[in-house]
Amino acid sequence: MRRYHETMAKEMERKLIGNCYVQDTKDGLCAVGFHDAYEPHLVIPDGVIWIDSYAFDRYYGLETVEIPNSVDYIGDHAFARCSSL
């Protein structure tokens, strides 16, 4: 099972695409965080195949999310406490 700490362990390898941080992993491109906590709209980049557990936890102002068809797995609590969604 994919785990938050495993992805974040190589934080230096994260890159910003649009307003989403992504990371190349052995399983493919993973969404791991949001660039601007005050931005109400998140676009997960095309080509991302999974969203990490807790990746967008506590982004209280997040109102909408665009998830491309390439995403085939969303980790536990990926959008936990996003009360405006």
Protein backbone atom coordinates (compact mmCIF):
# COMPACT_ATOMS: atom_id res chain seq x y z
CA MET A 1 0.00 0.00 0.00
CA ARG A 2 1.25 3.46 -0.83
CA ARG A 3 2.02 5.59 2.18
CA TYR A 4 2.30 9.33 2.67
CA HIS A 5 5.70 9.23 4.38
CA GLU A 6 7.21 7.09 1.62
CA THR A 7 6.29 9.68 -0.98
CA MET A 8 7.33 12.66 1.10
CA ALA A 9 10.69 11.06 1.97
CA LYS A 10 12.05 12.27 -1.36
CA GLU A 11 10.53 15.73 -1.16
CA MET A 12 13.46 17.21 -3.06
CA GLU A 13 12.26 15.42 -6.18
CA ARG A 14 8.86 17.10 -6.18
CA LYS A 15 8.00 19.36 -9.09
CA LEU A 16 5.27 21.89 -9.58
CA ILE A 17 2.86 21.44 -12.48
CA GLY A 18 0.19 24.12 -12.53
CA ASN A 19 -0.86 24.45 -8.90
CA CYS A 20 -0.12 20.83 -7.96
CA TYR A 21 3.09 19.27 -6.66
CA VAL A 22 3.82 15.91 -8.26
CA GLN A 23 6.54 13.35 -7.77
CA ASP A 24 7.90 10.63 -10.01
CA THR A 25 7.74 7.28 -8.22
CA LYS A 26 8.45 3.72 -9.25
CA ASP A 27 4.67 3.32 -9.75
CA GLY A 28 4.32 6.44 -11.90
CA LEU A 29 3.48 10.11 -11.42
CA CYS A 30 1.86 10.88 -8.06
CA ALA A 31 0.08 14.02 -6.84
CA VAL A 32 1.53 14.89 -3.43
CA GLY A 33 0.43 18.43 -2.56
CA PHE A 34 -1.04 21.78 -3.45
CA HIS A 35 1.06 24.86 -4.25
CA ASP A 36 -1.29 27.53 -2.88
CA ALA A 37 -3.41 26.69 0.15
CA TYR A 38 -5.67 29.67 -0.60
CA GLU A 39 -6.46 28.74 -4.19
CA PRO A 40 -10.06 27.42 -4.36
CA HIS A 41 -9.54 25.29 -7.49
CA LEU A 42 -7.10 22.39 -7.89
CA VAL A 43 -6.20 20.82 -11.21
CA ILE A 44 -4.50 17.44 -10.98
CA PRO A 45 -2.21 17.28 -14.04
CA ASP A 46 -2.93 14.80 -16.82
CA GLY A 47 -0.64 11.82 -16.52
CA VAL A 48 -0.88 11.56 -12.74
CA ILE A 49 -1.88 7.99 -11.96
CA TRP A 50 -2.45 8.25 -8.22
CA ILE A 51 -3.08 10.77 -5.47
CA ASP A 52 -1.13 10.17 -2.28
CA SER A 53 -2.73 9.62 1.11
CA TYR A 54 -3.27 12.93 2.90
CA ALA A 55 -1.93 14.82 -0.15
CA PHE A 56 -4.49 17.61 0.16
CA ASP A 57 -5.44 17.23 3.82
CA ARG A 58 -6.58 20.47 5.51
CA TYR A 59 -6.91 22.66 2.43
CA TYR A 60 -9.96 24.30 3.94
CA GLY A 61 -10.50 26.76 1.08
CA LEU A 62 -10.46 24.11 -1.64
CA GLU A 63 -13.83 24.21 -3.43
CA THR A 64 -13.32 22.22 -6.65
CA VAL A 65 -10.95 19.57 -7.94
CA GLU A 66 -10.37 18.44 -11.53
CA ILE A 67 -9.15 14.84 -11.61
CA PRO A 68 -8.03 13.48 -15.00
CA ASN A 69 -8.97 10.03 -16.29
CA SER A 70 -5.35 8.94 -15.83
CA VAL A 71 -5.86 8.75 -12.02
CA ASP A 72 -6.63 5.17 -11.02
CA TYR A 73 -6.01 5.36 -7.27
CA ILE A 74 -6.81 7.92 -4.58
CA GLY A 75 -5.09 7.34 -1.25
CA ASP A 76 -6.78 7.24 2.13
CA HIS A 77 -7.83 10.65 3.40
CA ALA A 78 -6.42 12.38 0.29
CA PHE A 79 -8.95 15.18 0.72
CA ALA A 80 -9.54 14.88 4.48
CA ARG A 81 -10.80 18.00 6.21
CA CYS A 82 -11.36 19.87 2.95
CA SER A 83 -14.55 21.31 4.38
CA SER A 84 -15.38 23.50 1.37
CA LEU A 85 -15.45 20.63 -1.14
